[in-house]
Each structure stands twice: as structure tokens, then as C-alpha cells.
C-alpha atoms as a PDB file:
ATOM      1  CA  MET A   1      -2.990  26.115   4.300  1.00  0.00           C
ATOM      2  CA  LEU A   2      -5.682  23.446   4.558  1.00  0.00           C
ATOM      3  CA  PRO A   3      -5.100  20.457   6.890  1.00  0.00           C
ATOM      4  CA  PRO A   4      -3.318  17.574   5.141  1.00  0.00           C
ATOM      5  CA  THR A   5      -5.151  14.737   3.439  1.00  0.00           C
ATOM      6  CA  VAL A   6      -2.589  11.951   3.225  1.00  0.00           C
ATOM      7  CA  GLY A   7      -2.943   8.828   1.134  1.00  0.00           C
ATOM      8  CA  PHE A   8      -1.099   5.647   2.054  1.00  0.00           C
ATOM      9  CA  ASP A   9      -0.433   2.477   0.169  1.00  0.00           C
ATOM     10  CA  LEU A  10      -1.281  -0.568   2.325  1.00  0.00           C
ATOM     11  CA  ASP A  11       1.012  -3.588   1.842  1.00  0.00           C
ATOM     12  CA  MET A  12       4.551  -2.905   3.130  1.00  0.00           C
ATOM     13  CA  THR A  13       3.713   0.757   3.736  1.00  0.00           C
ATOM     14  CA  LEU A  14       1.210   0.619   6.596  1.00  0.00           C
ATOM     15  CA  VAL A  15       1.230  -3.140   7.244  1.00  0.00           C
ATOM     16  CA  ASP A  16       3.554  -6.104   6.913  1.00  0.00           C
ATOM     17  CA  SER A  17       1.225  -8.509   5.168  1.00  0.00           C
ATOM     18  CA  ARG A  18       3.923 -10.883   3.912  1.00  0.00           C
ATOM     19  CA  PRO A  19       3.229 -13.750   6.380  1.00  0.00           C
ATOM     20  CA  GLY A  20      -0.504 -13.669   5.679  1.00  0.00           C
ATOM     21  CA  ILE A  21      -0.183 -13.347   1.922  1.00  0.00           C
ATOM     22  CA  ALA A  22       2.332 -16.201   1.872  1.00  0.00           C
ATOM     23  CA  ALA A  23      -0.156 -18.338   3.808  1.00  0.00           C
ATOM     24  CA  ALA A  24      -2.881 -17.470   1.293  1.00  0.00           C
ATOM     25  CA  TYR A  25      -0.632 -18.474  -1.613  1.00  0.00           C
ATOM     26  CA  ARG A  26       0.204 -21.773   0.076  1.00  0.00           C
ATOM     27  CA  ALA A  27      -3.503 -22.415   0.546  1.00  0.00           C
ATOM     28  CA  LEU A  28      -4.018 -21.628  -3.131  1.00  0.00           C
ATOM     29  CA  THR A  29      -1.372 -24.204  -4.046  1.00  0.00           C
ATOM     30  CA  ALA A  30      -3.028 -26.774  -1.781  1.00  0.00           C
ATOM     31  CA  ARG A  31      -6.399 -26.183  -3.423  1.00  0.00           C
ATOM     32  CA  THR A  32      -5.251 -26.080  -7.049  1.00  0.00           C
ATOM     33  CA  GLY A  33      -2.140 -28.264  -7.127  1.00  0.00           C
ATOM     34  CA  VAL A  34      -0.300 -25.468  -8.947  1.00  0.00           C
ATOM     35  CA  PRO A  35       2.988 -24.709  -7.144  1.00  0.00           C
ATOM     36  CA  VAL A  36       3.424 -21.057  -6.174  1.00  0.00           C
ATOM     37  CA  ASP A  37       6.663 -19.954  -4.528  1.00  0.00           C
ATOM     38  CA  ALA A  38       5.032 -17.961  -1.739  1.00  0.00           C
ATOM     39  CA  ASP A  39       8.294 -16.511  -0.462  1.00  0.00           C
ATOM     40  CA  ALA A  40       9.185 -15.196  -3.914  1.00  0.00           C
ATOM     41  CA  ALA A  41       5.688 -13.792  -4.384  1.00  0.00           C
ATOM     42  CA  VAL A  42       5.750 -11.776  -1.171  1.00  0.00           C
ATOM     43  CA  SER A  43       9.194 -10.380  -1.989  1.00  0.00           C
ATOM     44  CA  ARG A  44       7.661  -8.272  -4.777  1.00  0.00           C
ATOM     45  CA  LEU A  45       4.368  -7.020  -3.360  1.00  0.00           C
ATOM     46  CA  GLY A  46       2.931  -3.930  -5.034  1.00  0.00           C
ATOM     47  CA  PRO A  47       1.667  -4.777  -8.520  1.00  0.00           C
ATOM     48  CA  PRO A  48      -1.861  -6.132  -9.029  1.00  0.00           C
ATOM     49  CA  LEU A  49      -2.629  -9.685  -7.935  1.00  0.00           C
ATOM     50  CA  ARG A  50      -3.134 -10.839 -11.525  1.00  0.00           C
ATOM     51  CA  THR A  51       0.466  -9.944 -12.319  1.00  0.00           C
ATOM     52  CA  GLU A  52       1.756 -12.395  -9.722  1.00  0.00           C
ATOM     53  CA  ILE A  53      -0.832 -15.106 -10.404  1.00  0.00           C
ATOM     54  CA  ALA A  54       0.115 -15.015 -14.099  1.00  0.00           C
ATOM     55  CA  ARG A  55       3.654 -16.066 -13.179  1.00  0.00           C
ATOM     56  CA  TRP A  56       2.381 -19.423 -11.936  1.00  0.00           C
ATOM     57  CA  PHE A  57      -0.877 -20.246 -13.694  1.00  0.00           C
ATOM     58  CA  PRO A  58      -1.529 -20.716 -17.421  1.00  0.00           C
ATOM     59  CA  PRO A  59      -3.455 -17.829 -19.002  1.00  0.00           C
ATOM     60  CA  GLU A  60      -6.756 -19.679 -19.106  1.00  0.00           C
ATOM     61  CA  GLN A  61      -6.600 -20.303 -15.337  1.00  0.00           C
ATOM     62  CA  VAL A  62      -5.525 -16.866 -14.131  1.00  0.00           C
ATOM     63  CA  GLU A  63      -8.981 -15.408 -13.527  1.00  0.00           C
ATOM     64  CA  SER A  64     -10.273 -18.464 -11.659  1.00  0.00           C
ATOM     65  CA  ALA A  65      -7.098 -18.500  -9.540  1.00  0.00           C
ATOM     66  CA  VAL A  66      -7.571 -14.822  -8.696  1.00  0.00           C
ATOM     67  CA  VAL A  67     -11.151 -15.487  -7.593  1.00  0.00           C
ATOM     68  CA  LEU A  68     -10.113 -18.474  -5.472  1.00  0.00           C
ATOM     69  CA  TYR A  69      -7.197 -16.608  -3.887  1.00  0.00           C
ATOM     70  CA  ARG A  70      -9.532 -13.789  -2.856  1.00  0.00           C
ATOM     71  CA  GLU A  71     -11.957 -16.310  -1.392  1.00  0.00           C
ATOM     72  CA  LEU A  72      -9.152 -17.845   0.665  1.00  0.00           C
ATOM     73  CA  TYR A  73      -7.625 -14.527   1.689  1.00  0.00           C
ATOM     74  CA  PRO A  74      -9.789 -13.623   4.726  1.00  0.00           C
ATOM     75  CA  ALA A  75      -9.164 -16.965   6.405  1.00  0.00           C
ATOM     76  CA  TYR A  76      -5.410 -16.994   5.890  1.00  0.00           C
ATOM     77  CA  ALA A  77      -4.052 -13.471   5.429  1.00  0.00           C
ATOM     78  CA  ILE A  78      -5.693 -11.202   7.978  1.00  0.00           C
ATOM     79  CA  THR A  79      -4.603 -12.547  11.370  1.00  0.00           C
ATOM     80  CA  PRO A  80      -0.836 -12.857  10.637  1.00  0.00           C
ATOM     81  CA  THR A  81      -0.579  -9.281   9.333  1.00  0.00           C
ATOM     82  CA  VAL A  82       0.913  -6.628  11.649  1.00  0.00           C
ATOM     83  CA  PRO A  83       1.318  -2.850  11.464  1.00  0.00           C
ATOM     84  CA  LEU A  84       4.719  -1.636  10.305  1.00  0.00           C
ATOM     85  CA  PRO A  85       6.788   0.543  12.664  1.00  0.00           C
ATOM     86  CA  GLY A  86       5.319   4.016  12.954  1.00  0.00           C
ATOM     87  CA  ALA A  87       2.053   3.218  11.155  1.00  0.00           C
ATOM     88  CA  ARG A  88      -0.247   4.024  14.056  1.00  0.00           C
ATOM     89  CA  GLU A  89       1.759   7.109  14.954  1.00  0.00           C
ATOM     90  CA  ALA A  90       1.674   8.342  11.345  1.00  0.00           C
ATOM     91  CA  ILE A  91      -2.119   8.157  11.293  1.00  0.00           C
ATOM     92  CA  GLU A  92      -2.322   9.848  14.688  1.00  0.00           C
ATOM     93  CA  ALA A  93       0.000  12.619  13.486  1.00  0.00           C
ATOM     94  CA  ILE A  94      -2.348  13.422  10.613  1.00  0.00           C
ATOM     95  CA  ARG A  95      -5.348  13.468  12.957  1.00  0.00           C
ATOM     96  CA  GLU A  96      -3.503  15.767  15.374  1.00  0.00           C
ATOM     97  CA  ARG A  97      -2.954  18.203  12.510  1.00  0.00           C
ATOM     98  CA  GLY A  98      -6.658  18.164  11.662  1.00  0.00           C
ATOM     99  CA  GLY A  99      -6.136  16.047   8.563  1.00  0.00           C
ATOM    100  CA  ARG A 100      -7.718  13.079   6.841  1.00  0.00           C
ATOM    101  CA  VAL A 101      -6.271   9.651   6.052  1.00  0.00           C
ATOM    102  CA  LEU A 102      -6.796   7.675   2.843  1.00  0.00           C
ATOM    103  CA  VAL A 103      -5.675   4.190   1.864  1.00  0.00           C
ATOM    104  CA  VAL A 104      -5.187   3.781  -1.880  1.00  0.00           C
ATOM    105  CA  THR A 105      -4.032   0.274  -2.754  1.00  0.00           C
ATOM    106  CA  SER A 106      -3.852  -2.349  -5.469  1.00  0.00           C
ATOM    107  CA  LYS A 107      -5.595  -4.746  -3.081  1.00  0.00           C
ATOM    108  CA  MET A 108      -9.365  -5.129  -3.316  1.00  0.00           C
ATOM    109  CA  GLY A 109     -10.977  -2.501  -1.106  1.00  0.00           C
ATOM    110  CA  ARG A 110     -12.995  -4.977   0.956  1.00  0.00           C
ATOM    111  CA  LEU A 111      -9.869  -7.002   1.746  1.00  0.00           C
ATOM    112  CA  ALA A 112      -7.944  -3.867   2.650  1.00  0.00           C
ATOM    113  CA  ARG A 113     -10.769  -2.941   5.012  1.00  0.00           C
ATOM    114  CA  LEU A 114     -10.475  -6.328   6.728  1.00  0.00           C
ATOM    115  CA  HIS A 115      -6.832  -5.582   7.517  1.00  0.00           C
ATOM    116  CA  LEU A 116      -7.533  -2.079   8.759  1.00  0.00           C
ATOM    117  CA  ASP A 117     -10.455  -3.164  10.939  1.00  0.00           C
ATOM    118  CA  HIS A 118      -8.544  -6.118  12.381  1.00  0.00           C
ATOM    119  CA  LEU A 119      -5.607  -3.884  13.332  1.00  0.00           C
ATOM    120  CA  GLY A 120      -7.720  -0.945  14.484  1.00  0.00           C
ATOM    121  CA  LEU A 121      -6.209   1.443  11.952  1.00  0.00           C
ATOM    122  CA  GLU A 122      -8.881   4.091  11.413  1.00  0.00           C
ATOM    123  CA  VAL A 123      -8.909   5.788   8.022  1.00  0.00           C
ATOM    124  CA  ASP A 124     -11.422   8.020   6.298  1.00  0.00           C
ATOM    125  CA  GLU A 125     -11.502   6.428   2.841  1.00  0.00           C
ATOM    126  CA  VAL A 126     -10.312   3.227   1.170  1.00  0.00           C
ATOM    127  CA  ALA A 127      -9.852   2.959  -2.590  1.00  0.00           C
ATOM    128  CA  GLY A 128      -8.777  -0.425  -3.890  1.00  0.00           C
ATOM    129  CA  ASP A 129      -7.870  -2.386  -7.011  1.00  0.00           C
ATOM    130  CA  LEU A 130      -5.738   0.515  -8.304  1.00  0.00           C
ATOM    131  CA  PHE A 131      -2.103   0.612  -9.428  1.00  0.00           C
ATOM    132  CA  ALA A 132       0.370   3.281 -10.528  1.00  0.00           C
ATOM    133  CA  GLU A 133      -1.407   6.059 -12.485  1.00  0.00           C
ATOM    134  CA  GLN A 134      -4.799   4.530 -11.619  1.00  0.00           C
ATOM    135  CA  LYS A 135      -4.200   5.502  -7.992  1.00  0.00           C
ATOM    136  CA  ALA A 136      -3.978   9.141  -9.016  1.00  0.00           C
ATOM    137  CA  VAL A 137      -7.698   9.126  -9.856  1.00  0.00           C
ATOM    138  CA  ALA A 138      -8.580   8.277  -6.243  1.00  0.00           C
ATOM    139  CA  LEU A 139      -5.980  10.664  -4.842  1.00  0.00           C
ATOM    140  CA  ARG A 140      -7.455  13.538  -6.836  1.00  0.00           C
ATOM    141  CA  LYS A 141     -11.036  12.526  -6.043  1.00  0.00           C
ATOM    142  CA  HIS A 142     -10.427  12.633  -2.302  1.00  0.00           C
ATOM    143  CA  GLY A 143      -8.268  15.747  -2.347  1.00  0.00           C
ATOM    144  CA  ALA A 144      -5.005  14.135  -1.299  1.00  0.00           C
ATOM    145  CA  THR A 145      -2.170  16.507  -0.472  1.00  0.00           C
ATOM    146  CA  HIS A 146       0.508  13.763  -0.169  1.00  0.00           C
ATOM    147  CA  TYR A 147       0.900  10.086  -1.032  1.00  0.00           C
ATOM    148  CA  VAL A 148       3.048   7.593   0.877  1.00  0.00           C
ATOM    149  CA  GLY A 149       4.193   4.285  -0.562  1.00  0.00           C
ATOM    150  CA  ASP A 150       6.947   1.693  -0.736  1.00  0.00           C
ATOM    151  CA  HIS A 151       6.904   1.022  -4.480  1.00  0.00           C
ATOM    152  CA  VAL A 152       8.138   3.010  -7.472  1.00  0.00           C
ATOM    153  CA  ALA A 153       4.606   2.787  -8.865  1.00  0.00           C
ATOM    154  CA  ASP A 154       3.396   4.707  -5.803  1.00  0.00           C
ATOM    155  CA  MET A 155       5.726   7.557  -6.696  1.00  0.00           C
ATOM    156  CA  VAL A 156       4.324   7.428 -10.235  1.00  0.00           C
ATOM    157  CA  ALA A 157       0.851   7.732  -8.699  1.00  0.00           C
ATOM    158  CA  ALA A 158       1.873  10.755  -6.627  1.00  0.00           C
ATOM    159  CA  ALA A 159       3.371  12.465  -9.674  1.00  0.00           C
ATOM    160  CA  ALA A 160       0.270  11.760 -11.754  1.00  0.00           C
ATOM    161  CA  ALA A 161      -1.887  13.244  -8.988  1.00  0.00           C
ATOM    162  CA  GLU A 162       0.488  16.219  -8.761  1.00  0.00           C
ATOM    163  CA  VAL A 163       1.109  15.753  -5.029  1.00  0.00           C
ATOM    164  CA  PRO A 164       4.383  15.143  -3.170  1.00  0.00           C
ATOM    165  CA  GLY A 165       5.395  11.504  -2.963  1.00  0.00           C
ATOM    166  CA  ILE A 166       6.844  10.138   0.272  1.00  0.00           C
ATOM    167  CA  GLY A 167       8.718   6.868  -0.163  1.00  0.00           C
ATOM    168  CA  VAL A 168       9.423   4.298   2.540  1.00  0.00           C
ATOM    169  CA  THR A 169      12.017   1.562   2.086  1.00  0.00           C
ATOM    170  CA  THR A 170      10.005  -1.070   3.968  1.00  0.00           C
ATOM    171  CA  GLY A 171       8.994  -2.765   0.697  1.00  0.00           C
ATOM    172  CA  PRO A 172      10.819  -4.117  -2.354  1.00  0.00           C
ATOM    173  CA  CYS A 173      12.214  -0.816  -3.654  1.00  0.00           C
ATOM    174  CA  SER A 174      15.416   0.890  -2.567  1.00  0.00           C
ATOM    175  CA  ALA A 175      15.796   4.535  -1.608  1.00  0.00           C
ATOM    176  CA  ASP A 176      17.555   5.238  -4.909  1.00  0.00           C
ATOM    177  CA  GLU A 177      14.776   3.561  -6.896  1.00  0.00           C
ATOM    178  CA  LEU A 178      12.133   5.585  -5.063  1.00  0.00           C
ATOM    179  CA  ARG A 179      14.014   8.832  -5.632  1.00  0.00           C
ATOM    180  CA  GLU A 180      14.501   8.050  -9.316  1.00  0.00           C
ATOM    181  CA  ALA A 181      10.751   7.425  -9.564  1.00  0.00           C
ATOM    182  CA  GLY A 182      10.084  10.913  -8.228  1.00  0.00           C
ATOM    183  CA  ALA A 183       9.899  10.655  -4.434  1.00  0.00           C
ATOM    184  CA  ASP A 184      10.199  14.047  -2.771  1.00  0.00           C
ATOM    185  CA  VAL A 185      11.222  12.457   0.534  1.00  0.00           C
ATOM    186  CA  VAL A 186      12.431   8.920   1.307  1.00  0.00           C
ATOM    187  CA  LEU A 187      12.181   7.454   4.821  1.00  0.00           C
ATOM    188  CA  ASP A 188      13.492   4.236   6.324  1.00  0.00           C
ATOM    189  CA  ASP A 189      10.020   3.627   7.748  1.00  0.00           C
ATOM    190  CA  LEU A 190       7.000   5.537   9.000  1.00  0.00           C
ATOM    191  CA  THR A 191       8.597   6.450  12.327  1.00  0.00           C
ATOM    192  CA  GLY A 192      10.047   9.466  10.526  1.00  0.00           C
ATOM    193  CA  PHE A 193       6.756  10.449   8.931  1.00  0.00           C
ATOM    194  CA  PRO A 194       5.451  13.066  11.428  1.00  0.00           C
ATOM    195  CA  ALA A 195       8.658  15.127  11.208  1.00  0.00           C
ATOM    196  CA  ALA A 196       8.755  14.760   7.416  1.00  0.00           C
ATOM    197  CA  LEU A 197       5.136  15.891   7.108  1.00  0.00           C
ATOM    198  CA  ASP A 198       5.802  18.969   9.245  1.00  0.00           C
ATOM    199  CA  GLY A 199       8.831  19.786   7.117  1.00  0.00           C
ATOM    200  CA  MET A 200       6.824  19.509   3.909  1.00  0.00           C
ATOM    201  CA  ILE A 201       4.028  21.659   5.332  1.00  0.00           C
ATOM    202  CA  ARG A 202       6.531  24.331   6.400  1.00  0.00           C
ATOM    203  CA  LEU A 203       8.132  24.273   2.958  1.00  0.00           C
ATOM    204  CA  ALA A 204       4.744  24.674   1.280  1.00  0.00           C
ATOM    205  CA  LEU A 205       3.899  27.648   3.504  1.00  0.00           C
ATOM    206  CA  GLU A 206       7.185  29.349   2.629  1.00  0.00           C
ATOM    207  CA  GLN A 207       6.619  29.104  -1.105  1.00  0.00           C
END
């Protein structure tokens, strides 16, 4: 069996970006005068930015708000973000098994890279601005063997790419929701990832 190529979602899978994203939304409110409930926004991370912006801004202002938010993001969102438990060890486990690491996220790729570089999380490829089935395109392109995420849409992506989906309950979705969306394995967090990966590899070899 070839070494694993594992894709990860970013927000609330590898990193806890809630404090930084909340700060970016508050800065957006300060600049535009449009009130955004930052705490509510970060409680449902996963879908594309436009989906959240559209909750607060009138349709004709959504695109300009998205552009401004992304301009503000590096100054406000990067420093407060921290790795989630087990994130570094999960990446190391893949390296130790001769594998490759992908990040496939709905966040813009260049912003995802800022997080990864700031935290010293070394990955082989970053594919951004993708959600649900769109992520499957990148997973297939880079030869992913597994996909790890915290959102039901990540399990949809894994299914569309025809690879096992590994859910983590560090984001907005429960274990039951992740299983119902097709997760093959559900973990409390990434601390259980190395053992889960070995179990999935053994299972694949036995088939």
C-alpha cells in the first residue's frame, strides 16, 4: 500500500481560529458600521465567507465586505490563532509513515498559508476557497487517501472524492451529525488521529 496522503480542513480541524476571526469581524464592523455578531459567526465556521457575510450585509454590499474582511484578516486573525490539540502530532504521524499532508479549506489559500507559516505547521499542498463537493476536486488532484474535517460538508467532500472521511468534534458538528454525513471514523480531537490512521491502514491492507 502506498504511503498515506491525508487532507485536512483548517479552521477548527487543525487550528482554533475563532479568536482571530472574531477580531477580524469586529474590525469589519468598526470599518463599515454594520454590526456583525462575531461570537455567533465563529460558532458556525465551515461554510464559505460569503455565506456568513450575507447574514449581516445587504446583497449589494456583500462582495465589498468580503474584500474588506480579507484585507483586514492578516492584521487581526493570524496572531490569536493556535493549533488544536494533536494537530502537530497528526502531521508528524503522517510524515513518519512516509506520507504527504494537504490542507483543503474554504478559506482563501493565501490566508490559510499565513496561519500555517505563523504556527510552523508544514504541509505539502494548500488548496483554498473550496467547500463541500468542491473540495473533492483538490483531494482527487493531489491523490488524497483520507480527508479529516470538523464539518458535515467535509464528510461530503470525502465521499465525493471516494476516500475515507475522518471527523473531529472540535467544530460546530456533533459526532452523530458527522457519522450521518458519512464519516468512517469520528474522533474527539486529533490526539486520536495517529492510532485511527494506523487502524484504517491495517483495515485497507486486510481487504
